[in-house]
Amino acid sequence: MNQMKYSAYALLLVLGIASVALFINNLSFPSHSSPTFSETKKEATAAETVKNLAGQNLFRNNCASCHALNKTLTGPALAGVESRGPWIDRKNVIRWVNNPSVIIGENAFAKNLVSQFNGQIMPAFPQLSEQQIGSILDYIKEAQP
């Protein structure tokens, strides 16, 4: 009877060790199957997040002290900025950010905007490249509710 007990314990021990070995093997060597749709979607979302992170950081460091997305602060809310006035052409937004006074002199919409904010003109950001301003605009567009 004791021999039978020991045999059963030995069998359980062997099965336990085999289970642990299989578990460790699965952790060490992931399957080489093709990624599922949800895995691919997660990777794409992570890539978009990294892309938007640059625009978000630029927005926080250069724009957020005067602008919010959906609230007027010192400057207008920026949600939908590319759907109004001369800003429907991204090149005009870039020119505006780099040197607002040039646009004010040639555009009635910009003059009206300055008058709405009591003559306060946005400071120029000539250090921002076209690509950086594009990243900010992409962030604004994607961050809208």
N, C-alpha and C. Protein backbone atom coordinates (compact mmCIF):
# COMPACT_ATOMS: atom_id res chain seq x y z
N MET A 1 0.81 -1.18 0.00
CA MET A 1 0.00 0.00 0.00
C MET A 1 0.87 1.25 0.00
N ASN A 2 1.92 1.28 0.82
CA ASN A 2 2.82 2.42 0.84
C ASN A 2 3.52 2.59 -0.49
N GLN A 3 3.85 1.45 -1.14
CA GLN A 3 4.50 1.54 -2.45
C GLN A 3 3.57 2.21 -3.45
N MET A 4 2.32 1.95 -3.36
CA MET A 4 1.35 2.54 -4.26
C MET A 4 1.24 4.05 -4.01
N LYS A 5 1.27 4.47 -2.74
CA LYS A 5 1.25 5.88 -2.39
C LYS A 5 2.45 6.59 -2.99
N TYR A 6 3.63 5.98 -2.81
CA TYR A 6 4.85 6.60 -3.32
C TYR A 6 4.83 6.67 -4.83
N SER A 7 4.28 5.69 -5.48
CA SER A 7 4.19 5.69 -6.95
C SER A 7 3.27 6.82 -7.41
N ALA A 8 2.17 7.01 -6.70
CA ALA A 8 1.24 8.07 -7.06
C ALA A 8 1.88 9.44 -6.85
N TYR A 9 2.60 9.62 -5.75
CA TYR A 9 3.30 10.87 -5.50
C TYR A 9 4.38 11.12 -6.55
N ALA A 10 5.09 10.08 -6.90
CA ALA A 10 6.14 10.20 -7.91
C ALA A 10 5.53 10.62 -9.25
N LEU A 11 4.39 10.02 -9.59
CA LEU A 11 3.73 10.36 -10.85
C LEU A 11 3.26 11.81 -10.83
N LEU A 12 2.68 12.25 -9.74
CA LEU A 12 2.24 13.65 -9.62
C LEU A 12 3.44 14.60 -9.71
N LEU A 13 4.53 14.23 -9.09
CA LEU A 13 5.74 15.05 -9.13
C LEU A 13 6.25 15.17 -10.56
N VAL A 14 6.30 14.07 -11.28
CA VAL A 14 6.77 14.07 -12.67
C VAL A 14 5.84 14.92 -13.54
N LEU A 15 4.52 14.77 -13.36
CA LEU A 15 3.57 15.56 -14.13
C LEU A 15 3.70 17.05 -13.80
N GLY A 16 3.92 17.36 -12.55
CA GLY A 16 4.09 18.76 -12.15
C GLY A 16 5.33 19.37 -12.77
N ILE A 17 6.43 18.62 -12.75
CA ILE A 17 7.67 19.11 -13.35
C ILE A 17 7.50 19.30 -14.86
N ALA A 18 6.82 18.38 -15.49
CA ALA A 18 6.59 18.47 -16.94
C ALA A 18 5.72 19.69 -17.26
N SER A 19 4.72 19.95 -16.43
CA SER A 19 3.85 21.11 -16.66
C SER A 19 4.63 22.41 -16.53
N VAL A 20 5.45 22.50 -15.51
CA VAL A 20 6.28 23.70 -15.31
C VAL A 20 7.24 23.87 -16.49
N ALA A 21 7.84 22.77 -16.94
CA ALA A 21 8.77 22.84 -18.07
C ALA A 21 8.06 23.34 -19.32
N LEU A 22 6.86 22.85 -19.58
CA LEU A 22 6.10 23.31 -20.75
C LEU A 22 5.73 24.78 -20.62
N PHE A 23 5.34 25.20 -19.43
CA PHE A 23 4.99 26.59 -19.20
C PHE A 23 6.20 27.50 -19.46
N ILE A 24 7.34 27.13 -18.93
CA ILE A 24 8.57 27.91 -19.13
C ILE A 24 8.95 27.93 -20.60
N ASN A 25 8.80 26.82 -21.27
CA ASN A 25 9.12 26.74 -22.69
C ASN A 25 8.24 27.70 -23.50
N ASN A 26 6.96 27.79 -23.16
CA ASN A 26 6.05 28.70 -23.87
C ASN A 26 6.40 30.15 -23.60
N LEU A 27 6.89 30.45 -22.41
CA LEU A 27 7.31 31.82 -22.11
C LEU A 27 8.57 32.20 -22.87
N SER A 28 9.48 31.26 -22.98
CA SER A 28 10.78 31.54 -23.60
C SER A 28 10.70 31.62 -25.10
N PHE A 29 9.85 30.84 -25.72
CA PHE A 29 9.78 30.77 -27.17
C PHE A 29 8.38 31.09 -27.65
N PRO A 30 8.10 32.38 -27.91
CA PRO A 30 6.75 32.73 -28.37
C PRO A 30 6.47 32.09 -29.71
N SER A 31 5.20 31.89 -29.97
CA SER A 31 4.83 31.24 -31.22
C SER A 31 5.18 32.13 -32.39
N HIS A 32 5.42 31.52 -33.52
CA HIS A 32 5.79 32.27 -34.72
C HIS A 32 4.60 32.42 -35.66
N SER A 33 3.41 32.35 -35.10
CA SER A 33 2.22 32.51 -35.94
C SER A 33 2.07 33.98 -36.31
N SER A 34 1.29 34.24 -37.33
CA SER A 34 1.09 35.61 -37.76
C SER A 34 0.24 36.34 -36.72
N PRO A 35 0.47 37.66 -36.58
CA PRO A 35 -0.26 38.41 -35.56
C PRO A 35 -1.75 38.47 -35.88
N THR A 36 -2.54 38.52 -34.83
CA THR A 36 -3.98 38.62 -35.00
C THR A 36 -4.34 40.05 -35.37
N PHE A 37 -5.60 40.26 -35.77
CA PHE A 37 -6.06 41.60 -36.12
C PHE A 37 -5.89 42.56 -34.94
N SER A 38 -6.25 42.11 -33.73
CA SER A 38 -6.17 42.99 -32.56
C SER A 38 -4.71 43.33 -32.24
N GLU A 39 -3.79 42.37 -32.43
CA GLU A 39 -2.37 42.66 -32.20
C GLU A 39 -1.87 43.69 -33.21
N THR A 40 -2.27 43.55 -34.47
CA THR A 40 -1.87 44.49 -35.49
C THR A 40 -2.45 45.87 -35.21
N LYS A 41 -3.70 45.90 -34.77
CA LYS A 41 -4.35 47.17 -34.44
C LYS A 41 -3.64 47.84 -33.27
N LYS A 42 -3.24 47.06 -32.25
CA LYS A 42 -2.52 47.62 -31.11
C LYS A 42 -1.20 48.22 -31.55
N GLU A 43 -0.49 47.53 -32.45
CA GLU A 43 0.78 48.06 -32.95
C GLU A 43 0.56 49.35 -33.72
N ALA A 44 -0.48 49.43 -34.54
CA ALA A 44 -0.78 50.64 -35.29
C ALA A 44 -1.15 51.77 -34.35
N THR A 45 -1.94 51.49 -33.32
CA THR A 45 -2.31 52.51 -32.36
C THR A 45 -1.09 53.01 -31.61
N ALA A 46 -0.18 52.11 -31.25
CA ALA A 46 1.04 52.53 -30.58
C ALA A 46 1.87 53.42 -31.49
N ALA A 47 1.95 53.11 -32.78
CA ALA A 47 2.70 53.93 -33.72
C ALA A 47 2.06 55.31 -33.85
N GLU A 48 0.72 55.36 -33.90
CA GLU A 48 0.03 56.65 -33.98
C GLU A 48 0.27 57.46 -32.72
N THR A 49 0.27 56.80 -31.57
CA THR A 49 0.51 57.50 -30.32
C THR A 49 1.89 58.12 -30.32
N VAL A 50 2.88 57.39 -30.79
CA VAL A 50 4.23 57.93 -30.86
C VAL A 50 4.27 59.11 -31.81
N LYS A 51 3.57 59.01 -32.95
CA LYS A 51 3.51 60.10 -33.91
C LYS A 51 2.88 61.33 -33.27
N ASN A 52 1.76 61.14 -32.59
CA ASN A 52 1.05 62.25 -31.96
C ASN A 52 1.79 62.82 -30.77
N LEU A 53 2.64 62.04 -30.17
CA LEU A 53 3.38 62.50 -29.01
C LEU A 53 4.24 63.70 -29.35
N ALA A 54 4.85 63.70 -30.53
CA ALA A 54 5.67 64.84 -30.95
C ALA A 54 4.81 66.09 -31.06
N GLY A 55 3.65 65.97 -31.73
CA GLY A 55 2.75 67.12 -31.86
C GLY A 55 2.20 67.57 -30.53
N GLN A 56 1.88 66.61 -29.68
CA GLN A 56 1.35 66.94 -28.36
C GLN A 56 2.40 67.70 -27.54
N ASN A 57 3.64 67.23 -27.56
CA ASN A 57 4.71 67.91 -26.82
C ASN A 57 4.97 69.31 -27.37
N LEU A 58 4.98 69.44 -28.69
CA LEU A 58 5.16 70.77 -29.30
C LEU A 58 4.01 71.69 -28.91
N PHE A 59 2.79 71.17 -28.92
CA PHE A 59 1.62 71.97 -28.52
C PHE A 59 1.78 72.43 -27.08
N ARG A 60 2.10 71.51 -26.19
CA ARG A 60 2.25 71.86 -24.77
C ARG A 60 3.34 72.91 -24.55
N ASN A 61 4.45 72.76 -25.26
CA ASN A 61 5.59 73.64 -25.04
C ASN A 61 5.46 75.00 -25.73
N ASN A 62 4.66 75.10 -26.79
CA ASN A 62 4.62 76.33 -27.56
C ASN A 62 3.24 76.99 -27.64
N CYS A 63 2.19 76.24 -27.45
CA CYS A 63 0.84 76.77 -27.72
C CYS A 63 -0.05 76.82 -26.48
N ALA A 64 0.11 75.86 -25.58
CA ALA A 64 -0.85 75.66 -24.49
C ALA A 64 -0.91 76.81 -23.49
N SER A 65 0.08 77.67 -23.46
CA SER A 65 0.00 78.79 -22.52
C SER A 65 -1.05 79.81 -22.96
N CYS A 66 -1.40 79.83 -24.24
CA CYS A 66 -2.40 80.77 -24.75
C CYS A 66 -3.61 80.10 -25.39
N HIS A 67 -3.49 78.83 -25.77
CA HIS A 67 -4.55 78.13 -26.49
C HIS A 67 -4.93 76.83 -25.80
N ALA A 68 -6.20 76.50 -25.92
CA ALA A 68 -6.70 75.17 -25.55
C ALA A 68 -7.40 74.63 -26.78
N LEU A 69 -7.75 73.38 -26.76
CA LEU A 69 -8.43 72.80 -27.92
C LEU A 69 -9.87 73.28 -28.02
N ASN A 70 -10.60 73.24 -26.92
CA ASN A 70 -12.03 73.54 -26.96
C ASN A 70 -12.45 74.69 -26.06
N LYS A 71 -11.51 75.55 -25.72
CA LYS A 71 -11.82 76.65 -24.82
C LYS A 71 -10.99 77.87 -25.22
N THR A 72 -11.62 79.02 -25.26
CA THR A 72 -10.90 80.26 -25.56
C THR A 72 -10.14 80.70 -24.32
N LEU A 73 -8.87 80.95 -24.50
CA LEU A 73 -8.03 81.46 -23.42
C LEU A 73 -7.54 82.84 -23.87
N THR A 74 -6.26 83.08 -23.79
CA THR A 74 -5.68 84.32 -24.31
C THR A 74 -5.85 84.35 -25.82
N GLY A 75 -5.82 83.18 -26.44
CA GLY A 75 -6.04 83.03 -27.87
C GLY A 75 -7.24 82.13 -28.10
N PRO A 76 -7.67 82.03 -29.35
CA PRO A 76 -8.87 81.23 -29.64
C PRO A 76 -8.66 79.74 -29.43
N ALA A 77 -9.78 79.03 -29.23
CA ALA A 77 -9.74 77.57 -29.16
C ALA A 77 -9.27 77.05 -30.52
N LEU A 78 -8.46 76.01 -30.52
CA LEU A 78 -7.87 75.56 -31.78
C LEU A 78 -8.55 74.35 -32.42
N ALA A 79 -9.53 73.77 -31.76
CA ALA A 79 -10.25 72.66 -32.39
C ALA A 79 -10.90 73.16 -33.67
N GLY A 80 -10.66 72.47 -34.76
CA GLY A 80 -11.24 72.84 -36.04
C GLY A 80 -10.57 74.02 -36.71
N VAL A 81 -9.40 74.39 -36.26
CA VAL A 81 -8.71 75.58 -36.80
C VAL A 81 -8.52 75.49 -38.32
N GLU A 82 -8.31 74.31 -38.83
CA GLU A 82 -8.06 74.17 -40.26
C GLU A 82 -9.35 74.17 -41.10
N SER A 83 -10.46 74.47 -40.46
CA SER A 83 -11.71 74.53 -41.20
C SER A 83 -12.27 75.95 -41.23
N ARG A 84 -11.48 76.94 -40.83
CA ARG A 84 -11.99 78.31 -40.82
C ARG A 84 -10.97 79.30 -41.39
N GLY A 85 -11.53 80.32 -41.99
CA GLY A 85 -10.72 81.41 -42.53
C GLY A 85 -9.62 80.95 -43.47
N PRO A 86 -8.52 81.66 -43.45
CA PRO A 86 -7.41 81.31 -44.34
C PRO A 86 -6.68 80.05 -43.90
N TRP A 87 -7.05 79.54 -42.72
CA TRP A 87 -6.33 78.39 -42.17
C TRP A 87 -6.74 77.08 -42.84
N ILE A 88 -7.70 77.12 -43.76
CA ILE A 88 -8.04 75.90 -44.49
C ILE A 88 -6.88 75.48 -45.39
N ASP A 89 -6.00 76.43 -45.68
CA ASP A 89 -4.76 76.12 -46.40
C ASP A 89 -3.65 76.04 -45.35
N ARG A 90 -3.11 74.87 -45.14
CA ARG A 90 -2.10 74.65 -44.10
C ARG A 90 -0.90 75.56 -44.27
N LYS A 91 -0.58 75.95 -45.49
CA LYS A 91 0.55 76.85 -45.72
C LYS A 91 0.32 78.20 -45.05
N ASN A 92 -0.94 78.65 -45.01
CA ASN A 92 -1.25 79.90 -44.32
C ASN A 92 -1.08 79.77 -42.82
N VAL A 93 -1.43 78.63 -42.28
CA VAL A 93 -1.23 78.40 -40.83
C VAL A 93 0.26 78.44 -40.52
N ILE A 94 1.04 77.80 -41.34
CA ILE A 94 2.50 77.77 -41.12
C ILE A 94 3.06 79.19 -41.19
N ARG A 95 2.64 79.95 -42.19
CA ARG A 95 3.09 81.35 -42.30
C ARG A 95 2.67 82.15 -41.07
N TRP A 96 1.44 81.93 -40.62
CA TRP A 96 0.91 82.64 -39.44
C TRP A 96 1.74 82.32 -38.20
N VAL A 97 2.00 81.05 -37.97
CA VAL A 97 2.75 80.65 -36.77
C VAL A 97 4.17 81.22 -36.84
N ASN A 98 4.78 81.17 -38.00
CA ASN A 98 6.15 81.69 -38.14
C ASN A 98 6.22 83.21 -38.03
N ASN A 99 5.19 83.93 -38.54
CA ASN A 99 5.22 85.40 -38.50
C ASN A 99 3.81 85.96 -38.70
N PRO A 100 3.02 86.07 -37.63
CA PRO A 100 1.63 86.50 -37.73
C PRO A 100 1.45 87.90 -38.33
N SER A 101 2.37 88.80 -38.07
CA SER A 101 2.18 90.18 -38.54
C SER A 101 2.10 90.27 -40.06
N VAL A 102 2.76 89.37 -40.78
CA VAL A 102 2.69 89.36 -42.24
C VAL A 102 1.28 89.05 -42.70
N ILE A 103 0.66 88.04 -42.09
CA ILE A 103 -0.70 87.63 -42.47
C ILE A 103 -1.71 88.72 -42.11
N ILE A 104 -1.54 89.37 -40.96
CA ILE A 104 -2.47 90.41 -40.52
C ILE A 104 -2.53 91.53 -41.56
N GLY A 105 -1.39 91.86 -42.11
CA GLY A 105 -1.34 92.94 -43.10
C GLY A 105 -2.04 92.62 -44.40
N GLU A 106 -2.26 91.37 -44.69
CA GLU A 106 -2.83 91.00 -46.00
C GLU A 106 -4.15 90.24 -45.92
N ASN A 107 -4.69 90.01 -44.72
CA ASN A 107 -5.87 89.16 -44.61
C ASN A 107 -6.90 89.75 -43.65
N ALA A 108 -8.11 89.97 -44.13
CA ALA A 108 -9.19 90.56 -43.31
C ALA A 108 -9.59 89.64 -42.16
N PHE A 109 -9.59 88.31 -42.39
CA PHE A 109 -9.95 87.37 -41.33
C PHE A 109 -8.97 87.51 -40.17
N ALA A 110 -7.69 87.60 -40.48
CA ALA A 110 -6.66 87.73 -39.44
C ALA A 110 -6.80 89.05 -38.70
N LYS A 111 -7.09 90.13 -39.44
CA LYS A 111 -7.30 91.44 -38.79
C LYS A 111 -8.47 91.37 -37.82
N ASN A 112 -9.55 90.73 -38.23
CA ASN A 112 -10.73 90.58 -37.38
C ASN A 112 -10.39 89.75 -36.14
N LEU A 113 -9.61 88.72 -36.31
CA LEU A 113 -9.20 87.88 -35.19
C LEU A 113 -8.42 88.68 -34.15
N VAL A 114 -7.51 89.51 -34.62
CA VAL A 114 -6.73 90.36 -33.72
C VAL A 114 -7.65 91.33 -32.98
N SER A 115 -8.62 91.89 -33.67
CA SER A 115 -9.53 92.83 -33.01
C SER A 115 -10.40 92.11 -31.97
N GLN A 116 -10.77 90.86 -32.22
CA GLN A 116 -11.55 90.08 -31.25
C GLN A 116 -10.77 89.89 -29.95
N PHE A 117 -9.45 89.86 -30.05
CA PHE A 117 -8.61 89.65 -28.87
C PHE A 117 -7.92 90.94 -28.45
N ASN A 118 -8.65 92.06 -28.61
CA ASN A 118 -8.22 93.38 -28.14
C ASN A 118 -6.85 93.80 -28.67
N GLY A 119 -6.61 93.50 -29.92
CA GLY A 119 -5.35 93.92 -30.56
C GLY A 119 -4.15 93.07 -30.20
N GLN A 120 -4.37 92.06 -29.41
CA GLN A 120 -3.26 91.18 -29.02
C GLN A 120 -2.90 90.26 -30.18
N ILE A 121 -1.63 90.28 -30.56
CA ILE A 121 -1.15 89.48 -31.68
C ILE A 121 -0.35 88.30 -31.14
N MET A 122 -0.57 87.17 -31.74
CA MET A 122 0.19 85.98 -31.36
C MET A 122 1.68 86.23 -31.60
N PRO A 123 2.54 85.81 -30.68
CA PRO A 123 3.98 85.94 -30.94
C PRO A 123 4.41 85.03 -32.08
N ALA A 124 5.44 85.44 -32.77
CA ALA A 124 5.97 84.64 -33.88
C ALA A 124 6.77 83.46 -33.32
N PHE A 125 6.72 82.36 -34.03
CA PHE A 125 7.49 81.17 -33.69
C PHE A 125 8.33 80.74 -34.90
N PRO A 126 9.32 81.57 -35.29
CA PRO A 126 10.12 81.25 -36.48
C PRO A 126 10.98 80.00 -36.30
N GLN A 127 11.19 79.59 -35.06
CA GLN A 127 12.02 78.41 -34.80
C GLN A 127 11.31 77.10 -35.13
N LEU A 128 9.97 77.16 -35.27
CA LEU A 128 9.22 75.95 -35.59
C LEU A 128 9.25 75.69 -37.09
N SER A 129 9.62 74.49 -37.45
CA SER A 129 9.68 74.12 -38.87
C SER A 129 8.29 73.80 -39.39
N GLU A 130 8.18 73.70 -40.70
CA GLU A 130 6.92 73.32 -41.34
C GLU A 130 6.45 71.96 -40.82
N GLN A 131 7.39 71.04 -40.67
CA GLN A 131 7.05 69.70 -40.19
C GLN A 131 6.55 69.76 -38.74
N GLN A 132 7.19 70.56 -37.90
CA GLN A 132 6.76 70.66 -36.51
C GLN A 132 5.36 71.27 -36.40
N ILE A 133 5.11 72.31 -37.17
CA ILE A 133 3.78 72.92 -37.16
C ILE A 133 2.74 71.92 -37.68
N GLY A 134 3.12 71.15 -38.70
CA GLY A 134 2.24 70.09 -39.20
C GLY A 134 1.93 69.07 -38.12
N SER A 135 2.92 68.72 -37.31
CA SER A 135 2.70 67.77 -36.19
C SER A 135 1.72 68.35 -35.18
N ILE A 136 1.85 69.64 -34.90
CA ILE A 136 0.93 70.29 -33.97
C ILE A 136 -0.49 70.26 -34.53
N LEU A 137 -0.62 70.60 -35.82
CA LEU A 137 -1.95 70.61 -36.45
C LEU A 137 -2.56 69.21 -36.48
N ASP A 138 -1.72 68.20 -36.74
CA ASP A 138 -2.21 66.82 -36.72
C ASP A 138 -2.68 66.44 -35.32
N TYR A 139 -1.93 66.86 -34.31
CA TYR A 139 -2.32 66.59 -32.92
C TYR A 139 -3.67 67.26 -32.62
N ILE A 140 -3.83 68.51 -33.02
CA ILE A 140 -5.08 69.23 -32.77
C ILE A 140 -6.24 68.50 -33.44
N LYS A 141 -6.05 68.09 -34.68
CA LYS A 141 -7.11 67.42 -35.44
C LYS A 141 -7.48 66.09 -34.79
N GLU A 142 -6.50 65.32 -34.36
CA GLU A 142 -6.75 63.99 -33.80
C GLU A 142 -7.21 64.03 -32.35
N ALA A 143 -6.89 65.10 -31.65
CA ALA A 143 -7.24 65.20 -30.23
C ALA A 143 -8.65 65.72 -30.02
N GLN A 144 -9.29 66.21 -31.07
CA GLN A 144 -10.65 66.73 -30.93
C GLN A 144 -11.61 65.61 -30.55
N PRO A 145 -12.58 65.93 -29.68
CA PRO A 145 -13.55 64.89 -29.30
C PRO A 145 -14.45 64.52 -30.46
